[in-house]
C-alpha atoms as a PDB file:
ATOM      1  CA  UNK A   1      39.006 -24.570   7.117  1.00  0.00           C
ATOM      2  CA  UNK A   2      37.451 -27.001   9.549  1.00  0.00           C
ATOM      3  CA  UNK A   3      35.897 -24.115  11.520  1.00  0.00           C
ATOM      4  CA  UNK A   4      34.380 -22.655   8.337  1.00  0.00           C
ATOM      5  CA  UNK A   5      32.850 -25.999   7.361  1.00  0.00           C
ATOM      6  CA  UNK A   6      31.408 -26.373  10.868  1.00  0.00           C
ATOM      7  CA  UNK A   7      29.856 -22.882  10.686  1.00  0.00           C
ATOM      8  CA  UNK A   8      28.301 -23.620   7.285  1.00  0.00           C
ATOM      9  CA  UNK A   9      26.860 -26.861   8.623  1.00  0.00           C
ATOM     10  CA  UNK A  10      25.289 -25.034  11.581  1.00  0.00           C
ATOM     11  CA  UNK A  11      23.810 -22.405   9.276  1.00  0.00           C
ATOM     12  CA  UNK A  12      22.330 -25.135   7.089  1.00  0.00           C
ATOM     13  CA  UNK A  13      20.739 -26.766  10.135  1.00  0.00           C
ATOM     14  CA  UNK A  14      19.295 -23.412  11.289  1.00  0.00           C
ATOM     15  CA  UNK A  15      17.859 -22.699   7.827  1.00  0.00           C
ATOM     16  CA  UNK A  16      16.271 -26.143   7.641  1.00  0.00           C
ATOM     17  CA  UNK A  17      14.701 -25.633  11.050  1.00  0.00           C
ATOM     18  CA  UNK A  18      13.368 -22.218   9.964  1.00  0.00           C
ATOM     19  CA  UNK A  19      11.891 -23.534   6.703  1.00  0.00           C
ATOM     20  CA  UNK A  20      10.011 -26.210   8.635  1.00  0.00           C
ATOM     21  CA  UNK A  21       8.812 -23.961  11.469  1.00  0.00           C
ATOM     22  CA  UNK A  22       5.331 -23.819   9.898  1.00  0.00           C
ATOM     23  CA  UNK A  23       4.332 -27.089   8.146  1.00  0.00           C
ATOM     24  CA  UNK A  24       2.533 -26.476   4.827  1.00  0.00           C
ATOM     25  CA  UNK A  25      -1.237 -26.196   5.129  1.00  0.00           C
ATOM     26  CA  UNK A  26      -3.403 -28.158   2.688  1.00  0.00           C
ATOM     27  CA  UNK A  27      -5.478 -26.572  -0.077  1.00  0.00           C
ATOM     28  CA  UNK A  28      -7.929 -28.741  -1.980  1.00  0.00           C
ATOM     29  CA  UNK A  29      -8.074 -27.939  -5.715  1.00  0.00           C
ATOM     30  CA  UNK A  30      -9.989 -29.092  -8.802  1.00  0.00           C
ATOM     31  CA  UNK A  31      -9.589 -28.301 -12.519  1.00  0.00           C
ATOM     32  CA  UNK A  32     -13.135 -26.886 -12.621  1.00  0.00           C
ATOM     33  CA  UNK A  33     -12.602 -24.481  -9.717  1.00  0.00           C
ATOM     34  CA  UNK A  34     -10.408 -21.381  -9.401  1.00  0.00           C
ATOM     35  CA  UNK A  35      -8.925 -21.071  -5.924  1.00  0.00           C
ATOM     36  CA  UNK A  36      -8.217 -17.547  -4.679  1.00  0.00           C
ATOM     37  CA  UNK A  37      -5.568 -17.129  -1.979  1.00  0.00           C
ATOM     38  CA  UNK A  38      -6.151 -13.777  -0.286  1.00  0.00           C
ATOM     39  CA  UNK A  39      -3.238 -12.029   1.421  1.00  0.00           C
ATOM     40  CA  UNK A  40      -3.589  -9.344   4.136  1.00  0.00           C
ATOM     41  CA  UNK A  41      -1.129  -7.210   2.144  1.00  0.00           C
ATOM     42  CA  UNK A  42       0.527  -7.033  -1.288  1.00  0.00           C
ATOM     43  CA  UNK A  43       2.046 -10.262  -2.625  1.00  0.00           C
ATOM     44  CA  UNK A  44       5.667  -9.823  -3.710  1.00  0.00           C
ATOM     45  CA  UNK A  45       6.600 -13.289  -4.978  1.00  0.00           C
ATOM     46  CA  UNK A  46       4.933 -16.631  -5.753  1.00  0.00           C
ATOM     47  CA  UNK A  47       6.133 -20.063  -6.861  1.00  0.00           C
ATOM     48  CA  UNK A  48       4.227 -23.171  -7.983  1.00  0.00           C
ATOM     49  CA  UNK A  49       6.350 -26.314  -7.844  1.00  0.00           C
ATOM     50  CA  UNK A  50       4.422 -28.066 -10.651  1.00  0.00           C
ATOM     51  CA  UNK A  51       3.621 -27.202 -14.274  1.00  0.00           C
ATOM     52  CA  UNK A  52       0.193 -28.845 -13.970  1.00  0.00           C
ATOM     53  CA  UNK A  53      -1.205 -25.863 -12.032  1.00  0.00           C
ATOM     54  CA  UNK A  54      -1.645 -22.385 -13.522  1.00  0.00           C
ATOM     55  CA  UNK A  55      -1.554 -19.254 -11.418  1.00  0.00           C
ATOM     56  CA  UNK A  56      -1.705 -15.468 -11.667  1.00  0.00           C
ATOM     57  CA  UNK A  57      -2.094 -12.360  -9.506  1.00  0.00           C
ATOM     58  CA  UNK A  58      -5.256 -10.507 -10.724  1.00  0.00           C
ATOM     59  CA  UNK A  59      -4.870  -7.867  -7.980  1.00  0.00           C
ATOM     60  CA  UNK A  60      -1.891  -7.205  -5.755  1.00  0.00           C
ATOM     61  CA  UNK A  61      -3.149  -9.184  -2.744  1.00  0.00           C
ATOM     62  CA  UNK A  62      -4.831 -12.173  -4.452  1.00  0.00           C
ATOM     63  CA  UNK A  63      -3.083 -15.223  -5.935  1.00  0.00           C
ATOM     64  CA  UNK A  64      -5.378 -17.310  -8.171  1.00  0.00           C
ATOM     65  CA  UNK A  65      -4.571 -20.947  -8.964  1.00  0.00           C
ATOM     66  CA  UNK A  66      -6.272 -23.708 -10.980  1.00  0.00           C
ATOM     67  CA  UNK A  67      -5.166 -27.213 -12.100  1.00  0.00           C
ATOM     68  CA  UNK A  68      -4.812 -27.591 -15.864  1.00  0.00           C
ATOM     69  CA  UNK A  69      -6.215 -31.133 -16.009  1.00  0.00           C
ATOM     70  CA  UNK A  70      -7.807 -33.978 -14.049  1.00  0.00           C
ATOM     71  CA  UNK A  71      -5.541 -35.705 -11.515  1.00  0.00           C
ATOM     72  CA  UNK A  72      -2.604 -33.335 -12.055  1.00  0.00           C
ATOM     73  CA  UNK A  73       0.845 -33.683 -10.557  1.00  0.00           C
ATOM     74  CA  UNK A  74       0.545 -31.459  -7.511  1.00  0.00           C
ATOM     75  CA  UNK A  75       3.169 -29.852  -5.345  1.00  0.00           C
ATOM     76  CA  UNK A  76       3.652 -26.853  -3.088  1.00  0.00           C
ATOM     77  CA  UNK A  77       2.694 -23.194  -3.546  1.00  0.00           C
ATOM     78  CA  UNK A  78       5.003 -20.615  -1.941  1.00  0.00           C
ATOM     79  CA  UNK A  79       3.826 -17.052  -1.320  1.00  0.00           C
ATOM     80  CA  UNK A  80       6.009 -14.202  -0.060  1.00  0.00           C
ATOM     81  CA  UNK A  81       4.478 -10.962   1.196  1.00  0.00           C
ATOM     82  CA  UNK A  82       6.006  -7.821   2.621  1.00  0.00           C
ATOM     83  CA  UNK A  83       6.542  -9.357   6.058  1.00  0.00           C
ATOM     84  CA  UNK A  84       5.774 -13.078   5.742  1.00  0.00           C
ATOM     85  CA  UNK A  85       6.422 -16.336   3.883  1.00  0.00           C
ATOM     86  CA  UNK A  86       3.840 -19.131   3.689  1.00  0.00           C
ATOM     87  CA  UNK A  87       3.573 -22.466   1.867  1.00  0.00           C
ATOM     88  CA  UNK A  88       0.536 -24.553   0.931  1.00  0.00           C
ATOM     89  CA  UNK A  89       0.428 -28.191  -0.128  1.00  0.00           C
ATOM     90  CA  UNK A  90      -1.986 -28.741  -3.035  1.00  0.00           C
ATOM     91  CA  UNK A  91      -4.292 -31.783  -2.900  1.00  0.00           C
ATOM     92  CA  UNK A  92      -6.655 -32.864  -5.666  1.00  0.00           C
ATOM     93  CA  UNK A  93     -10.312 -33.203  -4.591  1.00  0.00           C
ATOM     94  CA  UNK A  94     -13.847 -33.445  -6.055  1.00  0.00           C
ATOM     95  CA  UNK A  95     -15.527 -30.172  -7.034  1.00  0.00           C
ATOM     96  CA  UNK A  96     -17.614 -30.120  -3.864  1.00  0.00           C
ATOM     97  CA  UNK A  97     -14.476 -30.236  -1.683  1.00  0.00           C
ATOM     98  CA  UNK A  98     -12.310 -27.805  -3.657  1.00  0.00           C
ATOM     99  CA  UNK A  99     -11.540 -24.459  -2.018  1.00  0.00           C
ATOM    100  CA  UNK A 100     -12.708 -21.322  -3.803  1.00  0.00           C
ATOM    101  CA  UNK A 101     -11.162 -18.913  -1.295  1.00  0.00           C
ATOM    102  CA  UNK A 102      -8.307 -19.266   1.193  1.00  0.00           C
ATOM    103  CA  UNK A 103      -7.380 -16.377   3.455  1.00  0.00           C
ATOM    104  CA  UNK A 104      -3.808 -16.236   4.698  1.00  0.00           C
ATOM    105  CA  UNK A 105      -3.792 -16.260   8.498  1.00  0.00           C
ATOM    106  CA  UNK A 106      -1.014 -13.910   9.737  1.00  0.00           C
ATOM    107  CA  UNK A 107      -0.615 -16.094  12.846  1.00  0.00           C
ATOM    108  CA  UNK A 108       0.149 -19.168  10.706  1.00  0.00           C
ATOM    109  CA  UNK A 109       3.025 -17.817   8.625  1.00  0.00           C
ATOM    110  CA  UNK A 110       6.790 -17.471   8.933  1.00  0.00           C
ATOM    111  CA  UNK A 111       8.143 -13.970   9.459  1.00  0.00           C
ATOM    112  CA  UNK A 112      10.137 -12.643   6.526  1.00  0.00           C
ATOM    113  CA  UNK A 113      11.760  -9.202   6.345  1.00  0.00           C
ATOM    114  CA  UNK A 114      11.683  -8.319   2.663  1.00  0.00           C
ATOM    115  CA  UNK A 115      14.801  -6.183   2.000  1.00  0.00           C
ATOM    116  CA  UNK A 116      12.945  -4.314  -0.770  1.00  0.00           C
ATOM    117  CA  UNK A 117      10.176  -3.182   1.606  1.00  0.00           C
ATOM    118  CA  UNK A 118      11.203  -0.623   4.224  1.00  0.00           C
ATOM    119  CA  UNK A 119       7.589  -0.255   5.470  1.00  0.00           C
ATOM    120  CA  UNK A 120       4.690  -2.616   4.794  1.00  0.00           C
ATOM    121  CA  UNK A 121       1.203  -1.489   3.768  1.00  0.00           C
ATOM    122  CA  UNK A 122      -0.130  -2.695   7.110  1.00  0.00           C
ATOM    123  CA  UNK A 123       2.458  -0.555   8.922  1.00  0.00           C
ATOM    124  CA  UNK A 124       1.544   2.462   6.755  1.00  0.00           C
ATOM    125  CA  UNK A 125      -2.114   1.957   7.631  1.00  0.00           C
ATOM    126  CA  UNK A 126      -1.309   1.715  11.344  1.00  0.00           C
ATOM    127  CA  UNK A 127       0.767   4.919  11.322  1.00  0.00           C
ATOM    128  CA  UNK A 128      -1.898   6.714   9.256  1.00  0.00           C
ATOM    129  CA  UNK A 129      -4.541   5.805  11.835  1.00  0.00           C
ATOM    130  CA  UNK A 130      -2.253   7.191  14.537  1.00  0.00           C
ATOM    131  CA  UNK A 131      -2.001  10.430  12.570  1.00  0.00           C
ATOM    132  CA  UNK A 132      -5.808  10.631  12.363  1.00  0.00           C
ATOM    133  CA  UNK A 133      -6.021  10.519  16.151  1.00  0.00           C
ATOM    134  CA  UNK A 134      -4.114  13.794  16.438  1.00  0.00           C
ATOM    135  CA  UNK A 135      -6.236  16.933  16.385  1.00  0.00           C
ATOM    136  CA  UNK A 136      -5.299  19.651  13.910  1.00  0.00           C
ATOM    137  CA  UNK A 137      -5.200  22.667  16.226  1.00  0.00           C
ATOM    138  CA  UNK A 138      -2.940  24.747  13.987  1.00  0.00           C
ATOM    139  CA  UNK A 139      -3.026  23.536  10.373  1.00  0.00           C
ATOM    140  CA  UNK A 140       0.241  23.980   8.475  1.00  0.00           C
ATOM    141  CA  UNK A 141      -1.534  25.359   5.387  1.00  0.00           C
ATOM    142  CA  UNK A 142      -5.125  26.446   4.779  1.00  0.00           C
ATOM    143  CA  UNK A 143      -6.940  27.633   1.619  1.00  0.00           C
ATOM    144  CA  UNK A 144     -10.553  28.793   1.072  1.00  0.00           C
ATOM    145  CA  UNK A 145     -12.387  28.888  -2.250  1.00  0.00           C
ATOM    146  CA  UNK A 146     -16.024  28.498  -3.362  1.00  0.00           C
ATOM    147  CA  UNK A 147     -17.060  27.865   0.256  1.00  0.00           C
ATOM    148  CA  UNK A 148     -14.675  24.925   0.496  1.00  0.00           C
ATOM    149  CA  UNK A 149     -11.847  24.948   3.035  1.00  0.00           C
ATOM    150  CA  UNK A 150      -8.784  22.778   2.407  1.00  0.00           C
ATOM    151  CA  UNK A 151      -6.109  22.248   5.038  1.00  0.00           C
ATOM    152  CA  UNK A 152      -2.930  20.295   5.605  1.00  0.00           C
ATOM    153  CA  UNK A 153      -3.521  19.497   9.264  1.00  0.00           C
ATOM    154  CA  UNK A 154      -0.195  17.891  10.032  1.00  0.00           C
ATOM    155  CA  UNK A 155       2.887  16.478   8.345  1.00  0.00           C
ATOM    156  CA  UNK A 156       4.592  13.510   9.982  1.00  0.00           C
ATOM    157  CA  UNK A 157       7.748  11.585   9.226  1.00  0.00           C
ATOM    158  CA  UNK A 158       8.425   7.952   9.988  1.00  0.00           C
ATOM    159  CA  UNK A 159      11.366   6.025   8.570  1.00  0.00           C
ATOM    160  CA  UNK A 160      11.701   6.813   4.880  1.00  0.00           C
ATOM    161  CA  UNK A 161       8.175   8.219   4.523  1.00  0.00           C
ATOM    162  CA  UNK A 162       6.096  11.379   4.925  1.00  0.00           C
ATOM    163  CA  UNK A 163       2.503  11.170   6.186  1.00  0.00           C
ATOM    164  CA  UNK A 164       0.376  14.139   5.078  1.00  0.00           C
ATOM    165  CA  UNK A 165      -2.921  14.652   6.917  1.00  0.00           C
ATOM    166  CA  UNK A 166      -5.329  16.442   4.550  1.00  0.00           C
ATOM    167  CA  UNK A 167      -8.855  17.647   5.279  1.00  0.00           C
ATOM    168  CA  UNK A 168     -11.659  19.392   3.367  1.00  0.00           C
ATOM    169  CA  UNK A 169     -14.679  21.210   4.767  1.00  0.00           C
ATOM    170  CA  UNK A 170     -17.686  21.835   2.517  1.00  0.00           C
ATOM    171  CA  UNK A 171     -19.751  24.845   3.655  1.00  0.00           C
ATOM    172  CA  UNK A 172     -22.438  24.409   0.999  1.00  0.00           C
ATOM    173  CA  UNK A 173     -25.442  22.065   0.774  1.00  0.00           C
ATOM    174  CA  UNK A 174     -24.045  20.492  -2.413  1.00  0.00           C
ATOM    175  CA  UNK A 175     -22.113  17.269  -1.947  1.00  0.00           C
ATOM    176  CA  UNK A 176     -18.516  17.331  -3.118  1.00  0.00           C
ATOM    177  CA  UNK A 177     -17.564  14.454  -5.446  1.00  0.00           C
ATOM    178  CA  UNK A 178     -13.794  14.270  -5.732  1.00  0.00           C
ATOM    179  CA  UNK A 179     -12.539  13.714  -9.264  1.00  0.00           C
ATOM    180  CA  UNK A 180      -8.858  13.622  -8.380  1.00  0.00           C
ATOM    181  CA  UNK A 181      -6.278  14.742  -5.857  1.00  0.00           C
ATOM    182  CA  UNK A 182      -2.894  15.445  -7.418  1.00  0.00           C
ATOM    183  CA  UNK A 183       0.427  16.243  -5.772  1.00  0.00           C
ATOM    184  CA  UNK A 184       3.108  18.219  -7.586  1.00  0.00           C
ATOM    185  CA  UNK A 185       6.442  19.841  -6.898  1.00  0.00           C
ATOM    186  CA  UNK A 186       6.433  23.016  -8.968  1.00  0.00           C
ATOM    187  CA  UNK A 187       7.837  26.541  -9.284  1.00  0.00           C
ATOM    188  CA  UNK A 188       6.536  29.078  -6.762  1.00  0.00           C
ATOM    189  CA  UNK A 189       6.200  31.732  -9.416  1.00  0.00           C
ATOM    190  CA  UNK A 190       5.262  31.239 -13.050  1.00  0.00           C
ATOM    191  CA  UNK A 191       7.124  33.848 -15.093  1.00  0.00           C
ATOM    192  CA  UNK A 192       6.698  32.248 -18.528  1.00  0.00           C
ATOM    193  CA  UNK A 193       4.558  29.228 -19.332  1.00  0.00           C
ATOM    194  CA  UNK A 194       7.408  27.742 -21.414  1.00  0.00           C
ATOM    195  CA  UNK A 195       9.755  27.840 -18.405  1.00  0.00           C
ATOM    196  CA  UNK A 196       7.275  26.556 -15.833  1.00  0.00           C
ATOM    197  CA  UNK A 197       8.464  23.280 -14.333  1.00  0.00           C
ATOM    198  CA  UNK A 198       6.537  20.730 -12.294  1.00  0.00           C
ATOM    199  CA  UNK A 199       6.971  17.146 -11.185  1.00  0.00           C
ATOM    200  CA  UNK A 200       4.009  14.993 -10.179  1.00  0.00           C
ATOM    201  CA  UNK A 201       4.499  12.919  -7.026  1.00  0.00           C
ATOM    202  CA  UNK A 202       2.386   9.816  -6.479  1.00  0.00           C
ATOM    203  CA  UNK A 203       1.483   8.692  -2.948  1.00  0.00           C
ATOM    204  CA  UNK A 204       2.475   5.114  -2.165  1.00  0.00           C
ATOM    205  CA  UNK A 205      -0.556   4.704   0.102  1.00  0.00           C
ATOM    206  CA  UNK A 206      -3.780   6.449   1.076  1.00  0.00           C
ATOM    207  CA  UNK A 207      -5.701   5.541   4.205  1.00  0.00           C
ATOM    208  CA  UNK A 208      -9.249   5.795   2.779  1.00  0.00           C
ATOM    209  CA  UNK A 209     -10.671   5.470  -0.738  1.00  0.00           C
ATOM    210  CA  UNK A 210     -13.584   7.813  -0.033  1.00  0.00           C
ATOM    211  CA  UNK A 211     -14.319  10.048  -3.054  1.00  0.00           C
ATOM    212  CA  UNK A 212     -17.521  11.825  -1.999  1.00  0.00           C
ATOM    213  CA  UNK A 213     -18.537  13.750   1.105  1.00  0.00           C
ATOM    214  CA  UNK A 214     -21.290  16.043   2.310  1.00  0.00           C
ATOM    215  CA  UNK A 215     -19.580  18.193   4.923  1.00  0.00           C
ATOM    216  CA  UNK A 216     -16.168  16.901   5.960  1.00  0.00           C
ATOM    217  CA  UNK A 217     -13.388  14.852   4.397  1.00  0.00           C
ATOM    218  CA  UNK A 218     -10.154  13.739   5.989  1.00  0.00           C
ATOM    219  CA  UNK A 219      -7.467  11.407   4.721  1.00  0.00           C
ATOM    220  CA  UNK A 220      -3.795  10.573   5.184  1.00  0.00           C
ATOM    221  CA  UNK A 221      -1.495  10.211   2.180  1.00  0.00           C
ATOM    222  CA  UNK A 222       1.890   8.500   2.436  1.00  0.00           C
ATOM    223  CA  UNK A 223       4.889   9.471   0.293  1.00  0.00           C
ATOM    224  CA  UNK A 224       8.465   8.338  -0.025  1.00  0.00           C
ATOM    225  CA  UNK A 225      10.620  11.067   1.485  1.00  0.00           C
ATOM    226  CA  UNK A 226      11.360  13.871  -0.930  1.00  0.00           C
ATOM    227  CA  UNK A 227      12.993  17.297  -0.888  1.00  0.00           C
ATOM    228  CA  UNK A 228      12.796  20.395  -3.071  1.00  0.00           C
ATOM    229  CA  UNK A 229      14.522  23.817  -3.193  1.00  0.00           C
ATOM    230  CA  UNK A 230      13.103  27.023  -1.704  1.00  0.00           C
ATOM    231  CA  UNK A 231      12.003  28.375  -5.081  1.00  0.00           C
ATOM    232  CA  UNK A 232       9.542  25.479  -5.441  1.00  0.00           C
ATOM    233  CA  UNK A 233       6.438  24.360  -3.527  1.00  0.00           C
ATOM    234  CA  UNK A 234       4.597  21.116  -2.912  1.00  0.00           C
ATOM    235  CA  UNK A 235       1.213  21.774  -4.510  1.00  0.00           C
ATOM    236  CA  UNK A 236      -1.901  19.751  -3.627  1.00  0.00           C
ATOM    237  CA  UNK A 237      -4.726  20.075  -6.186  1.00  0.00           C
ATOM    238  CA  UNK A 238      -8.266  18.871  -5.457  1.00  0.00           C
ATOM    239  CA  UNK A 239     -10.811  18.857  -8.302  1.00  0.00           C
ATOM    240  CA  UNK A 240     -14.526  18.055  -8.351  1.00  0.00           C
ATOM    241  CA  UNK A 241     -16.131  15.704 -10.905  1.00  0.00           C
ATOM    242  CA  UNK A 242     -18.738  18.186 -12.169  1.00  0.00           C
ATOM    243  CA  UNK A 243     -18.113  20.082 -15.428  1.00  0.00           C
ATOM    244  CA  UNK A 244     -18.136  23.357 -13.547  1.00  0.00           C
ATOM    245  CA  UNK A 245     -16.485  21.595 -10.630  1.00  0.00           C
ATOM    246  CA  UNK A 246     -14.982  23.405  -7.698  1.00  0.00           C
ATOM    247  CA  UNK A 247     -11.203  23.198  -7.650  1.00  0.00           C
ATOM    248  CA  UNK A 248      -8.912  24.182  -4.823  1.00  0.00           C
ATOM    249  CA  UNK A 249      -5.181  23.931  -4.238  1.00  0.00           C
ATOM    250  CA  UNK A 250      -2.775  24.116  -1.318  1.00  0.00           C
ATOM    251  CA  UNK A 251       0.836  25.214  -1.612  1.00  0.00           C
ATOM    252  CA  UNK A 252       3.177  23.757   1.006  1.00  0.00           C
ATOM    253  CA  UNK A 253       6.615  25.324   1.447  1.00  0.00           C
ATOM    254  CA  UNK A 254       9.601  23.141   2.233  1.00  0.00           C
ATOM    255  CA  UNK A 255       9.915  24.976   5.551  1.00  0.00           C
ATOM    256  CA  UNK A 256       6.544  23.425   6.494  1.00  0.00           C
ATOM    257  CA  UNK A 257       7.815  19.976   5.510  1.00  0.00           C
ATOM    258  CA  UNK A 258      10.906  20.475   7.684  1.00  0.00           C
ATOM    259  CA  UNK A 259       8.602  20.950  10.698  1.00  0.00           C
ATOM    260  CA  UNK A 260       7.251  17.399  10.332  1.00  0.00           C
ATOM    261  CA  UNK A 261       6.579  15.606  13.622  1.00  0.00           C
ATOM    262  CA  UNK A 262       7.259  11.956  14.333  1.00  0.00           C
ATOM    263  CA  UNK A 263       4.505   9.442  15.037  1.00  0.00           C
END
């Protein structure tokens, strides 16, 4: 029993030392100013230690705070990302001194391995950029239609994710404005429309948000690992915005997925 109590005491000391490894930075706030705390990646959890400050997350990487009244009771704001934990001490100040934007410095945070995040957005971006550096000498799948060439250049696997390198080549003088790119697991052959089955798969990350191109387009889409039987295919559909828009699709067999390289 004595040994157990000693171990618990040591763990408590270690935790206290960890929680104080980065002293809270100061943010100056005012009830007339909204302060935006910008994270380098998605914010997973926030806590405000006082009821006198309101806060919300308008987009996944921005935490917005604002005092509810003059001279509020202020405390500490805690923010947890995919790979970090950071705390800020709130201090009341005149309007001229209040911060409108605070960017989280990755070098000034405590490391935190979120058990719900197997790969962070920053890691996905880094691996996607690595994939872009590889030349597509022998594309896994290629389709041509309306003078547009679509190709799955490479498929990579890393951890629990697939990275699909997709490119388009426009051989006309008309710019291609992408309306949508959809990914579906569906039957190889459609015998009857009533029996046709398909399941849409959403990427968890895409490297670029480019939606228009003149000649060439290339992007990397990241998916949670998936599998499907031989009688189905992974279908990639690209559609143009115009009413008579050019549409093209690529059908990837599971045998092509099984050939995925590692990054």
